Amino acid sequence: MKQAIPHRYPFLLIDKMVDIVLGEEATGIKCVTVNEPFFQGHFPARPVMPGVLIIEAMAQTAATLVVLSLGDSFEGKLVYFMTVEGAKFRSPVGPGDQIRLHVAKQRRRGSVWKFFGSATVDGKIVAEATFSAMIMD
């Protein structure tokens, strides 16, 4: 991911990419550890990964897919998160969980890509959303 997207610790929220179908879909993996910086305040007695960070991890997965799909034509550009629609958080995510972040392209119009994303832990959906991103110089 470090070659594809500019995010770095503590805001790089995916550990690896699997099952990539260029231009269509991909899955990112996030292994959630007790040492995640957001657990210091969310919540100290019962650590829960903030839902908005799960959505951000989906967006990073989608951005990586976009970069890999476009190859050399992407050089010098960034993927910017634009919209989130219908976000649902179904179950808390905590230390020790491995999140599978599946994103599938719904459509592409010019530089705007729209995705549906879902996050699962042990095969159970924990979050889902539709979101869009734009490629910009």
N, C-alpha and C. Protein backbone atom coordinates (compact mmCIF):
# COMPACT_ATOMS: atom_id res chain seq x y z
N MET A 1 0.81 -1.19 0.00
CA MET A 1 0.00 0.00 0.00
C MET A 1 0.86 1.26 0.00
N LYS A 2 2.00 1.19 0.65
CA LYS A 2 2.82 2.40 0.75
C LYS A 2 3.27 2.90 -0.62
N GLN A 3 3.32 2.02 -1.62
CA GLN A 3 3.68 2.47 -2.96
C GLN A 3 2.46 3.07 -3.66
N ALA A 4 1.25 2.70 -3.24
CA ALA A 4 0.04 3.11 -3.95
C ALA A 4 -0.62 4.35 -3.36
N ILE A 5 -0.68 4.45 -2.03
CA ILE A 5 -1.36 5.59 -1.40
C ILE A 5 -0.40 6.30 -0.45
N PRO A 6 -0.62 7.60 -0.21
CA PRO A 6 0.33 8.37 0.59
C PRO A 6 0.15 8.23 2.10
N HIS A 7 -0.86 7.54 2.57
CA HIS A 7 -1.14 7.43 4.00
C HIS A 7 0.00 6.73 4.73
N ARG A 8 0.28 7.19 5.93
CA ARG A 8 1.31 6.60 6.78
C ARG A 8 0.81 6.53 8.21
N TYR A 9 1.53 5.77 9.05
CA TYR A 9 1.18 5.66 10.46
C TYR A 9 1.08 7.07 11.06
N PRO A 10 0.09 7.32 11.87
CA PRO A 10 -0.93 6.41 12.38
C PRO A 10 -2.20 6.37 11.55
N PHE A 11 -2.17 6.89 10.31
CA PHE A 11 -3.41 6.95 9.55
C PHE A 11 -3.48 5.96 8.39
N LEU A 12 -2.49 5.10 8.23
CA LEU A 12 -2.59 4.02 7.26
C LEU A 12 -3.40 2.91 7.93
N LEU A 13 -4.58 2.65 7.43
CA LEU A 13 -5.53 1.77 8.12
C LEU A 13 -5.74 0.43 7.43
N ILE A 14 -4.89 0.09 6.47
CA ILE A 14 -4.93 -1.25 5.88
C ILE A 14 -3.52 -1.83 5.93
N ASP A 15 -3.46 -3.12 6.21
CA ASP A 15 -2.17 -3.80 6.33
C ASP A 15 -1.74 -4.47 5.04
N LYS A 16 -2.71 -4.99 4.29
CA LYS A 16 -2.39 -5.63 3.01
C LYS A 16 -3.63 -5.69 2.14
N MET A 17 -3.40 -5.96 0.85
CA MET A 17 -4.47 -6.08 -0.14
C MET A 17 -4.48 -7.52 -0.66
N VAL A 18 -5.69 -8.06 -0.86
CA VAL A 18 -5.85 -9.41 -1.42
C VAL A 18 -7.01 -9.38 -2.42
N ASP A 19 -7.11 -10.42 -3.21
CA ASP A 19 -8.25 -10.61 -4.12
C ASP A 19 -8.52 -9.37 -4.98
N ILE A 20 -7.50 -8.87 -5.62
CA ILE A 20 -7.63 -7.66 -6.44
C ILE A 20 -8.04 -8.03 -7.87
N VAL A 21 -9.13 -7.43 -8.32
CA VAL A 21 -9.55 -7.52 -9.72
C VAL A 21 -9.49 -6.09 -10.25
N LEU A 22 -8.44 -5.79 -11.00
CA LEU A 22 -8.20 -4.41 -11.43
C LEU A 22 -9.43 -3.80 -12.09
N GLY A 23 -9.73 -2.57 -11.67
CA GLY A 23 -10.86 -1.83 -12.22
C GLY A 23 -12.21 -2.26 -11.69
N GLU A 24 -12.25 -3.27 -10.81
CA GLU A 24 -13.54 -3.80 -10.36
C GLU A 24 -13.70 -3.91 -8.84
N GLU A 25 -12.83 -4.68 -8.19
CA GLU A 25 -13.00 -4.93 -6.76
C GLU A 25 -11.69 -5.36 -6.11
N ALA A 26 -11.67 -5.25 -4.79
CA ALA A 26 -10.49 -5.67 -4.03
C ALA A 26 -10.88 -5.81 -2.57
N THR A 27 -10.01 -6.46 -1.82
CA THR A 27 -10.20 -6.61 -0.38
C THR A 27 -8.94 -6.16 0.34
N GLY A 28 -9.12 -5.30 1.33
CA GLY A 28 -8.03 -4.88 2.19
C GLY A 28 -8.16 -5.60 3.53
N ILE A 29 -7.04 -5.82 4.18
CA ILE A 29 -7.02 -6.49 5.48
C ILE A 29 -6.44 -5.52 6.51
N LYS A 30 -7.13 -5.42 7.65
CA LYS A 30 -6.63 -4.62 8.78
C LYS A 30 -6.66 -5.52 10.01
N CYS A 31 -5.48 -5.75 10.59
CA CYS A 31 -5.38 -6.50 11.84
C CYS A 31 -5.38 -5.47 12.97
N VAL A 32 -6.44 -5.45 13.73
CA VAL A 32 -6.62 -4.44 14.78
C VAL A 32 -5.90 -4.91 16.04
N THR A 33 -4.96 -4.09 16.52
CA THR A 33 -4.20 -4.45 17.71
C THR A 33 -4.58 -3.55 18.88
N VAL A 34 -4.25 -3.98 20.07
CA VAL A 34 -4.53 -3.19 21.27
C VAL A 34 -3.73 -1.89 21.27
N ASN A 35 -2.67 -1.82 20.46
CA ASN A 35 -1.81 -0.64 20.42
C ASN A 35 -2.28 0.45 19.46
N GLU A 36 -3.44 0.30 18.83
CA GLU A 36 -3.94 1.34 17.91
C GLU A 36 -4.10 2.64 18.69
N PRO A 37 -3.61 3.76 18.15
CA PRO A 37 -3.67 5.03 18.90
C PRO A 37 -5.08 5.48 19.24
N PHE A 38 -6.06 5.14 18.43
CA PHE A 38 -7.44 5.59 18.72
C PHE A 38 -8.03 4.92 19.94
N PHE A 39 -7.49 3.77 20.36
CA PHE A 39 -8.03 3.11 21.56
C PHE A 39 -7.70 3.86 22.84
N GLN A 40 -6.73 4.76 22.81
CA GLN A 40 -6.39 5.53 24.02
C GLN A 40 -7.57 6.35 24.51
N GLY A 41 -8.43 6.78 23.60
CA GLY A 41 -9.56 7.60 24.02
C GLY A 41 -10.90 7.07 23.58
N HIS A 42 -10.95 5.94 22.87
CA HIS A 42 -12.21 5.43 22.31
C HIS A 42 -12.33 3.94 22.55
N PHE A 43 -12.62 3.43 23.53
CA PHE A 43 -12.85 3.95 24.88
C PHE A 43 -11.90 3.20 25.78
N PRO A 44 -11.21 3.87 26.71
CA PRO A 44 -10.18 3.21 27.50
C PRO A 44 -10.64 1.93 28.21
N ALA A 45 -11.84 1.93 28.75
CA ALA A 45 -12.31 0.76 29.49
C ALA A 45 -12.83 -0.35 28.56
N ARG A 46 -13.27 0.03 27.36
CA ARG A 46 -13.78 -0.95 26.39
C ARG A 46 -13.42 -0.45 24.99
N PRO A 47 -12.22 -0.79 24.51
CA PRO A 47 -11.74 -0.25 23.24
C PRO A 47 -12.63 -0.66 22.06
N VAL A 48 -13.06 0.34 21.28
CA VAL A 48 -13.87 0.13 20.09
C VAL A 48 -13.27 0.98 18.97
N MET A 49 -13.03 0.37 17.81
CA MET A 49 -12.54 1.12 16.66
C MET A 49 -13.65 2.04 16.17
N PRO A 50 -13.38 3.35 16.05
CA PRO A 50 -14.42 4.27 15.58
C PRO A 50 -14.93 3.87 14.19
N GLY A 51 -16.24 3.92 14.03
CA GLY A 51 -16.85 3.55 12.76
C GLY A 51 -16.34 4.36 11.59
N VAL A 52 -16.10 5.65 11.82
CA VAL A 52 -15.61 6.48 10.72
C VAL A 52 -14.23 6.02 10.24
N LEU A 53 -13.44 5.41 11.12
CA LEU A 53 -12.14 4.89 10.70
C LEU A 53 -12.29 3.59 9.91
N ILE A 54 -13.34 2.83 10.19
CA ILE A 54 -13.62 1.65 9.37
C ILE A 54 -13.98 2.10 7.95
N ILE A 55 -14.81 3.15 7.85
CA ILE A 55 -15.15 3.70 6.54
C ILE A 55 -13.89 4.25 5.85
N GLU A 56 -13.02 4.92 6.59
CA GLU A 56 -11.76 5.41 6.03
C GLU A 56 -10.91 4.24 5.52
N ALA A 57 -10.89 3.13 6.25
CA ALA A 57 -10.14 1.96 5.80
C ALA A 57 -10.72 1.42 4.49
N MET A 58 -12.05 1.45 4.36
CA MET A 58 -12.67 1.07 3.08
C MET A 58 -12.20 2.01 1.97
N ALA A 59 -12.20 3.31 2.27
CA ALA A 59 -11.79 4.31 1.28
C ALA A 59 -10.33 4.10 0.87
N GLN A 60 -9.46 3.77 1.83
CA GLN A 60 -8.06 3.50 1.50
C GLN A 60 -7.93 2.26 0.63
N THR A 61 -8.76 1.25 0.90
CA THR A 61 -8.78 0.05 0.06
C THR A 61 -9.18 0.42 -1.36
N ALA A 62 -10.24 1.23 -1.48
CA ALA A 62 -10.71 1.67 -2.81
C ALA A 62 -9.65 2.52 -3.51
N ALA A 63 -9.01 3.41 -2.78
CA ALA A 63 -7.97 4.26 -3.38
C ALA A 63 -6.82 3.41 -3.91
N THR A 64 -6.44 2.39 -3.17
CA THR A 64 -5.38 1.50 -3.62
C THR A 64 -5.80 0.79 -4.90
N LEU A 65 -7.05 0.33 -4.95
CA LEU A 65 -7.57 -0.31 -6.16
C LEU A 65 -7.51 0.65 -7.35
N VAL A 66 -7.92 1.90 -7.15
CA VAL A 66 -7.90 2.89 -8.23
C VAL A 66 -6.48 3.09 -8.74
N VAL A 67 -5.54 3.28 -7.83
CA VAL A 67 -4.14 3.51 -8.22
C VAL A 67 -3.58 2.32 -9.00
N LEU A 68 -3.81 1.12 -8.48
CA LEU A 68 -3.31 -0.08 -9.17
C LEU A 68 -3.98 -0.25 -10.53
N SER A 69 -5.26 0.08 -10.61
CA SER A 69 -6.01 -0.06 -11.87
C SER A 69 -5.52 0.91 -12.94
N LEU A 70 -5.19 2.12 -12.54
CA LEU A 70 -4.79 3.14 -13.52
C LEU A 70 -3.32 3.08 -13.90
N GLY A 71 -2.51 2.44 -13.07
CA GLY A 71 -1.09 2.27 -13.39
C GLY A 71 -0.37 3.59 -13.60
N ASP A 72 0.43 3.66 -14.65
CA ASP A 72 1.27 4.84 -14.91
C ASP A 72 0.48 6.11 -15.15
N SER A 73 -0.75 5.99 -15.62
CA SER A 73 -1.55 7.20 -15.89
C SER A 73 -1.95 7.91 -14.60
N PHE A 74 -1.74 7.26 -13.45
CA PHE A 74 -2.10 7.86 -12.16
C PHE A 74 -0.98 8.74 -11.59
N GLU A 75 0.22 8.61 -12.09
CA GLU A 75 1.39 9.29 -11.50
C GLU A 75 1.14 10.78 -11.28
N GLY A 76 1.49 11.24 -10.07
CA GLY A 76 1.36 12.65 -9.72
C GLY A 76 -0.04 13.06 -9.27
N LYS A 77 -0.93 12.10 -9.09
CA LYS A 77 -2.30 12.41 -8.71
C LYS A 77 -2.62 11.80 -7.34
N LEU A 78 -3.74 12.23 -6.75
CA LEU A 78 -4.23 11.68 -5.49
C LEU A 78 -5.70 11.31 -5.64
N VAL A 79 -6.15 10.38 -4.80
CA VAL A 79 -7.56 10.02 -4.74
C VAL A 79 -8.14 10.70 -3.51
N TYR A 80 -9.17 11.53 -3.72
CA TYR A 80 -9.82 12.26 -2.63
C TYR A 80 -11.21 11.70 -2.38
N PHE A 81 -11.48 11.39 -1.12
CA PHE A 81 -12.77 10.93 -0.64
C PHE A 81 -13.78 12.05 -0.84
N MET A 82 -14.95 11.78 -1.45
CA MET A 82 -15.94 12.83 -1.73
C MET A 82 -17.24 12.69 -0.93
N THR A 83 -17.84 11.51 -1.00
CA THR A 83 -19.15 11.32 -0.36
C THR A 83 -19.21 9.99 0.36
N VAL A 84 -20.09 9.92 1.35
CA VAL A 84 -20.44 8.67 2.02
C VAL A 84 -21.96 8.63 2.10
N GLU A 85 -22.54 7.52 1.70
CA GLU A 85 -23.99 7.37 1.75
C GLU A 85 -24.35 6.07 2.46
N GLY A 86 -25.39 6.11 3.23
CA GLY A 86 -25.95 4.90 3.83
C GLY A 86 -25.00 4.11 4.69
N ALA A 87 -24.11 4.78 5.40
CA ALA A 87 -23.18 4.06 6.28
C ALA A 87 -23.95 3.39 7.41
N LYS A 88 -23.63 2.13 7.64
CA LYS A 88 -24.26 1.36 8.71
C LYS A 88 -23.16 0.67 9.50
N PHE A 89 -23.28 0.75 10.81
CA PHE A 89 -22.34 0.11 11.71
C PHE A 89 -23.12 -0.94 12.50
N ARG A 90 -22.80 -2.21 12.27
CA ARG A 90 -23.63 -3.29 12.79
C ARG A 90 -23.07 -3.97 14.03
N SER A 91 -21.77 -3.85 14.24
CA SER A 91 -21.16 -4.54 15.38
C SER A 91 -19.83 -3.86 15.70
N PRO A 92 -19.47 -3.75 16.98
CA PRO A 92 -18.20 -3.11 17.32
C PRO A 92 -16.99 -3.94 16.89
N VAL A 93 -15.90 -3.24 16.61
CA VAL A 93 -14.63 -3.87 16.25
C VAL A 93 -13.63 -3.49 17.33
N GLY A 94 -12.88 -4.47 17.81
CA GLY A 94 -11.94 -4.21 18.89
C GLY A 94 -10.61 -4.91 18.70
N PRO A 95 -9.74 -4.79 19.70
CA PRO A 95 -8.42 -5.41 19.63
C PRO A 95 -8.53 -6.91 19.36
N GLY A 96 -7.66 -7.38 18.48
CA GLY A 96 -7.64 -8.80 18.14
C GLY A 96 -8.47 -9.15 16.92
N ASP A 97 -9.32 -8.23 16.47
CA ASP A 97 -10.15 -8.50 15.29
C ASP A 97 -9.33 -8.29 14.01
N GLN A 98 -9.64 -9.10 13.01
CA GLN A 98 -9.10 -8.88 11.67
C GLN A 98 -10.27 -8.46 10.78
N ILE A 99 -10.17 -7.26 10.23
CA ILE A 99 -11.25 -6.74 9.38
C ILE A 99 -10.90 -7.02 7.92
N ARG A 100 -11.86 -7.59 7.21
CA ARG A 100 -11.77 -7.75 5.75
C ARG A 100 -12.61 -6.64 5.14
N LEU A 101 -11.98 -5.79 4.37
CA LEU A 101 -12.62 -4.60 3.80
C LEU A 101 -12.80 -4.81 2.30
N HIS A 102 -13.99 -5.23 1.90
CA HIS A 102 -14.24 -5.50 0.48
C HIS A 102 -14.87 -4.28 -0.17
N VAL A 103 -14.31 -3.85 -1.28
CA VAL A 103 -14.87 -2.74 -2.05
C VAL A 103 -15.12 -3.20 -3.47
N ALA A 104 -16.25 -2.76 -4.03
CA ALA A 104 -16.60 -3.09 -5.41
C ALA A 104 -17.02 -1.82 -6.12
N LYS A 105 -16.44 -1.59 -7.28
CA LYS A 105 -16.79 -0.41 -8.07
C LYS A 105 -18.23 -0.55 -8.55
N GLN A 106 -19.04 0.48 -8.31
CA GLN A 106 -20.39 0.51 -8.84
C GLN A 106 -20.42 1.19 -10.20
N ARG A 107 -19.65 2.27 -10.31
CA ARG A 107 -19.54 2.96 -11.60
C ARG A 107 -18.36 3.91 -11.58
N ARG A 108 -18.01 4.32 -12.79
CA ARG A 108 -16.95 5.33 -12.96
C ARG A 108 -17.41 6.30 -14.03
N ARG A 109 -17.35 7.57 -13.68
CA ARG A 109 -17.65 8.63 -14.65
C ARG A 109 -16.48 9.60 -14.63
N GLY A 110 -15.68 9.56 -15.67
CA GLY A 110 -14.50 10.42 -15.73
C GLY A 110 -13.57 10.12 -14.58
N SER A 111 -13.30 11.13 -13.77
CA SER A 111 -12.37 10.97 -12.65
C SER A 111 -13.06 10.58 -11.35
N VAL A 112 -14.38 10.38 -11.38
CA VAL A 112 -15.13 10.01 -10.17
C VAL A 112 -15.47 8.53 -10.19
N TRP A 113 -15.11 7.85 -9.11
CA TRP A 113 -15.39 6.43 -8.93
C TRP A 113 -16.36 6.29 -7.76
N LYS A 114 -17.36 5.42 -7.91
CA LYS A 114 -18.31 5.15 -6.83
C LYS A 114 -18.18 3.68 -6.44
N PHE A 115 -18.16 3.43 -5.13
CA PHE A 115 -17.94 2.09 -4.60
C PHE A 115 -19.00 1.70 -3.58
N PHE A 116 -19.21 0.39 -3.44
CA PHE A 116 -19.91 -0.14 -2.27
C PHE A 116 -18.86 -0.88 -1.47
N GLY A 117 -18.81 -0.61 -0.17
CA GLY A 117 -17.84 -1.27 0.68
C GLY A 117 -18.51 -1.98 1.84
N SER A 118 -17.92 -3.10 2.22
CA SER A 118 -18.39 -3.80 3.42
C SER A 118 -17.18 -4.26 4.22
N ALA A 119 -17.35 -4.25 5.52
CA ALA A 119 -16.30 -4.70 6.43
C ALA A 119 -16.83 -5.89 7.21
N THR A 120 -16.04 -6.96 7.25
CA THR A 120 -16.46 -8.15 7.99
C THR A 120 -15.37 -8.56 8.97
N VAL A 121 -15.81 -9.16 10.07
CA VAL A 121 -14.93 -9.78 11.05
C VAL A 121 -15.46 -11.19 11.26
N ASP A 122 -14.63 -12.18 11.04
CA ASP A 122 -15.04 -13.58 11.15
C ASP A 122 -16.29 -13.88 10.34
N GLY A 123 -16.38 -13.30 9.15
CA GLY A 123 -17.50 -13.56 8.25
C GLY A 123 -18.77 -12.79 8.57
N LYS A 124 -18.76 -11.99 9.61
CA LYS A 124 -19.94 -11.23 10.02
C LYS A 124 -19.77 -9.77 9.60
N ILE A 125 -20.79 -9.19 8.94
CA ILE A 125 -20.71 -7.79 8.52
C ILE A 125 -20.72 -6.88 9.75
N VAL A 126 -19.71 -6.01 9.84
CA VAL A 126 -19.63 -5.06 10.94
C VAL A 126 -19.92 -3.63 10.49
N ALA A 127 -19.74 -3.36 9.18
CA ALA A 127 -20.02 -2.02 8.64
C ALA A 127 -20.18 -2.12 7.13
N GLU A 128 -20.93 -1.16 6.59
CA GLU A 128 -21.07 -1.07 5.14
C GLU A 128 -21.42 0.35 4.75
N ALA A 129 -21.08 0.72 3.52
CA ALA A 129 -21.36 2.07 3.04
C ALA A 129 -21.16 2.14 1.53
N THR A 130 -21.80 3.11 0.94
CA THR A 130 -21.54 3.49 -0.45
C THR A 130 -20.79 4.81 -0.39
N PHE A 131 -19.75 4.94 -1.19
CA PHE A 131 -18.95 6.16 -1.14
C PHE A 131 -18.34 6.44 -2.50
N SER A 132 -17.91 7.68 -2.69
CA SER A 132 -17.28 8.04 -3.95
C SER A 132 -15.97 8.78 -3.69
N ALA A 133 -15.13 8.75 -4.70
CA ALA A 133 -13.83 9.40 -4.63
C ALA A 133 -13.50 10.00 -5.99
N MET A 134 -12.67 11.03 -5.97
CA MET A 134 -12.27 11.70 -7.20
C MET A 134 -10.76 11.70 -7.33
N ILE A 135 -10.29 11.48 -8.54
CA ILE A 135 -8.87 11.55 -8.83
C ILE A 135 -8.54 12.99 -9.20
N MET A 136 -7.54 13.55 -8.51
CA MET A 136 -7.17 14.95 -8.77
C MET A 136 -5.66 15.08 -8.85
N ASP A 137 -5.22 16.11 -9.57
CA ASP A 137 -3.79 16.41 -9.67
C ASP A 137 -3.30 17.00 -8.36
